[in-house]
Amino acid sequence: MLQKLDELAQNAYYGMISMSILIGSVIGGIMAMFALEKNSIFLMAFGLIFTMANLILGIVQAPAKWIVRGLLTSLLVNIFIILITFLI
């Protein structure tokens, strides 16, 4: 599956960059809202590190493989933090 995403990102490079920035920003914002709602600055900062790394990869036009990996990592970390905030 990861190889298919890499091929898709290579074929639609600029579309993947814009989708990566959009999806990463939205999920990062949702994560920040949930983390701040629980007064957990540490979780918010930790999630924003991965969100900003994903955005930086898109802005500097990194290779397609990096953008896919950055987006997936950012999504996993942010969704994990959102789930943690539900348990706190």
C-alpha atoms as a PDB file:
ATOM      1  CA  MET A   1       0.000   0.000   0.000  1.00  0.00           C
ATOM      2  CA  LEU A   2       2.823   2.360   0.820  1.00  0.00           C
ATOM      3  CA  GLN A   3       4.360   1.710  -2.589  1.00  0.00           C
ATOM      4  CA  LYS A   4       1.063   2.637  -4.279  1.00  0.00           C
ATOM      5  CA  LEU A   5       0.974   5.896  -2.334  1.00  0.00           C
ATOM      6  CA  ASP A   6       4.553   6.607  -3.411  1.00  0.00           C
ATOM      7  CA  GLU A   7       3.630   6.035  -7.067  1.00  0.00           C
ATOM      8  CA  LEU A   8       0.535   8.216  -6.748  1.00  0.00           C
ATOM      9  CA  ALA A   9       2.566  10.965  -5.095  1.00  0.00           C
ATOM     10  CA  GLN A  10       5.184  10.760  -7.839  1.00  0.00           C
ATOM     11  CA  ASN A  11       2.569  11.014 -10.607  1.00  0.00           C
ATOM     12  CA  ALA A  12       0.597  13.829  -8.967  1.00  0.00           C
ATOM     13  CA  TYR A  13       3.467  15.520  -7.145  1.00  0.00           C
ATOM     14  CA  TYR A  14       2.061  19.019  -6.663  1.00  0.00           C
ATOM     15  CA  GLY A  15      -1.391  17.679  -5.858  1.00  0.00           C
ATOM     16  CA  MET A  16       0.125  15.476  -3.174  1.00  0.00           C
ATOM     17  CA  ILE A  17       1.996  18.440  -1.725  1.00  0.00           C
ATOM     18  CA  SER A  18      -1.172  20.525  -1.495  1.00  0.00           C
ATOM     19  CA  MET A  19      -3.190  17.636  -0.021  1.00  0.00           C
ATOM     20  CA  SER A  20      -0.420  16.913   2.466  1.00  0.00           C
ATOM     21  CA  ILE A  21      -0.379  20.517   3.627  1.00  0.00           C
ATOM     22  CA  LEU A  22      -4.188  20.694   3.824  1.00  0.00           C
ATOM     23  CA  ILE A  23      -4.778  17.376   5.603  1.00  0.00           C
ATOM     24  CA  GLY A  24      -1.796  17.813   7.926  1.00  0.00           C
ATOM     25  CA  SER A  25      -2.890  21.307   8.929  1.00  0.00           C
ATOM     26  CA  VAL A  26      -6.484  20.332   9.608  1.00  0.00           C
ATOM     27  CA  ILE A  27      -5.618  17.280  11.706  1.00  0.00           C
ATOM     28  CA  GLY A  28      -2.885  19.249  13.506  1.00  0.00           C
ATOM     29  CA  GLY A  29      -5.384  21.984  14.350  1.00  0.00           C
ATOM     30  CA  ILE A  30      -7.914  19.484  15.645  1.00  0.00           C
ATOM     31  CA  MET A  31      -5.211  17.845  17.750  1.00  0.00           C
ATOM     32  CA  ALA A  32      -4.152  21.220  19.164  1.00  0.00           C
ATOM     33  CA  MET A  33      -7.770  22.029  20.059  1.00  0.00           C
ATOM     34  CA  PHE A  34      -8.234  18.770  21.948  1.00  0.00           C
ATOM     35  CA  ALA A  35      -4.850  19.050  23.692  1.00  0.00           C
ATOM     36  CA  LEU A  36      -5.480  22.634  24.807  1.00  0.00           C
ATOM     37  CA  GLU A  37      -8.963  21.710  25.973  1.00  0.00           C
ATOM     38  CA  LYS A  38      -7.279  19.332  28.445  1.00  0.00           C
ATOM     39  CA  ASN A  39      -4.570  21.913  29.319  1.00  0.00           C
ATOM     40  CA  SER A  40      -1.829  19.627  28.001  1.00  0.00           C
ATOM     41  CA  ILE A  41       0.762  21.931  26.482  1.00  0.00           C
ATOM     42  CA  PHE A  42       3.271  19.076  26.261  1.00  0.00           C
ATOM     43  CA  LEU A  43       0.996  16.923  24.062  1.00  0.00           C
ATOM     44  CA  MET A  44       0.161  19.899  21.888  1.00  0.00           C
ATOM     45  CA  ALA A  45       3.825  20.801  21.406  1.00  0.00           C
ATOM     46  CA  PHE A  46       4.737  17.187  20.652  1.00  0.00           C
ATOM     47  CA  GLY A  47       2.020  16.922  18.012  1.00  0.00           C
ATOM     48  CA  LEU A  48       2.886  20.261  16.484  1.00  0.00           C
ATOM     49  CA  ILE A  49       6.491  19.127  15.975  1.00  0.00           C
ATOM     50  CA  PHE A  50       5.260  16.413  13.613  1.00  0.00           C
ATOM     51  CA  THR A  51       2.661  18.673  12.026  1.00  0.00           C
ATOM     52  CA  MET A  52       5.230  21.366  11.282  1.00  0.00           C
ATOM     53  CA  ALA A  53       7.699  18.785   9.954  1.00  0.00           C
ATOM     54  CA  ASN A  54       5.032  17.623   7.503  1.00  0.00           C
ATOM     55  CA  LEU A  55       4.307  21.204   6.429  1.00  0.00           C
ATOM     56  CA  ILE A  56       7.999  21.943   5.968  1.00  0.00           C
ATOM     57  CA  LEU A  57       8.411  18.886   3.726  1.00  0.00           C
ATOM     58  CA  GLY A  58       5.632  20.181   1.505  1.00  0.00           C
ATOM     59  CA  ILE A  59       6.853  23.761   1.414  1.00  0.00           C
ATOM     60  CA  VAL A  60      10.447  22.842   0.480  1.00  0.00           C
ATOM     61  CA  GLN A  61       9.150  20.390  -2.160  1.00  0.00           C
ATOM     62  CA  ALA A  62      10.885  17.355  -0.736  1.00  0.00           C
ATOM     63  CA  PRO A  63      10.885  14.086  -2.702  1.00  0.00           C
ATOM     64  CA  ALA A  64       7.486  12.421  -3.038  1.00  0.00           C
ATOM     65  CA  LYS A  65       8.493   9.508  -0.834  1.00  0.00           C
ATOM     66  CA  TRP A  66       9.386  11.862   2.021  1.00  0.00           C
ATOM     67  CA  ILE A  67       6.103  13.730   1.697  1.00  0.00           C
ATOM     68  CA  VAL A  68       4.095  10.499   1.921  1.00  0.00           C
ATOM     69  CA  ARG A  69       6.076   9.321   4.950  1.00  0.00           C
ATOM     70  CA  GLY A  70       5.827  12.739   6.622  1.00  0.00           C
ATOM     71  CA  LEU A  71       2.068  12.916   6.128  1.00  0.00           C
ATOM     72  CA  LEU A  72       1.494   9.404   7.448  1.00  0.00           C
ATOM     73  CA  THR A  73       3.715  10.003  10.476  1.00  0.00           C
ATOM     74  CA  SER A  74       1.984  13.285  11.229  1.00  0.00           C
ATOM     75  CA  LEU A  75      -1.453  11.691  10.922  1.00  0.00           C
ATOM     76  CA  LEU A  76      -0.551   8.753  13.156  1.00  0.00           C
ATOM     77  CA  VAL A  77       0.972  10.916  15.880  1.00  0.00           C
ATOM     78  CA  ASN A  78      -1.855  13.472  15.832  1.00  0.00           C
ATOM     79  CA  ILE A  79      -4.615  10.861  15.847  1.00  0.00           C
ATOM     80  CA  PHE A  80      -2.840   9.068  18.694  1.00  0.00           C
ATOM     81  CA  ILE A  81      -2.706  12.335  20.677  1.00  0.00           C
ATOM     82  CA  ILE A  82      -6.401  12.971  19.982  1.00  0.00           C
ATOM     83  CA  LEU A  83      -7.188   9.504  21.357  1.00  0.00           C
ATOM     84  CA  ILE A  84      -5.013  10.140  24.412  1.00  0.00           C
ATOM     85  CA  THR A  85      -6.858  13.361  25.180  1.00  0.00           C
ATOM     86  CA  PHE A  86     -10.128  11.450  25.227  1.00  0.00           C
ATOM     87  CA  LEU A  87      -8.686   9.194  27.942  1.00  0.00           C
ATOM     88  CA  ILE A  88      -7.324  11.987  30.152  1.00  0.00           C
END
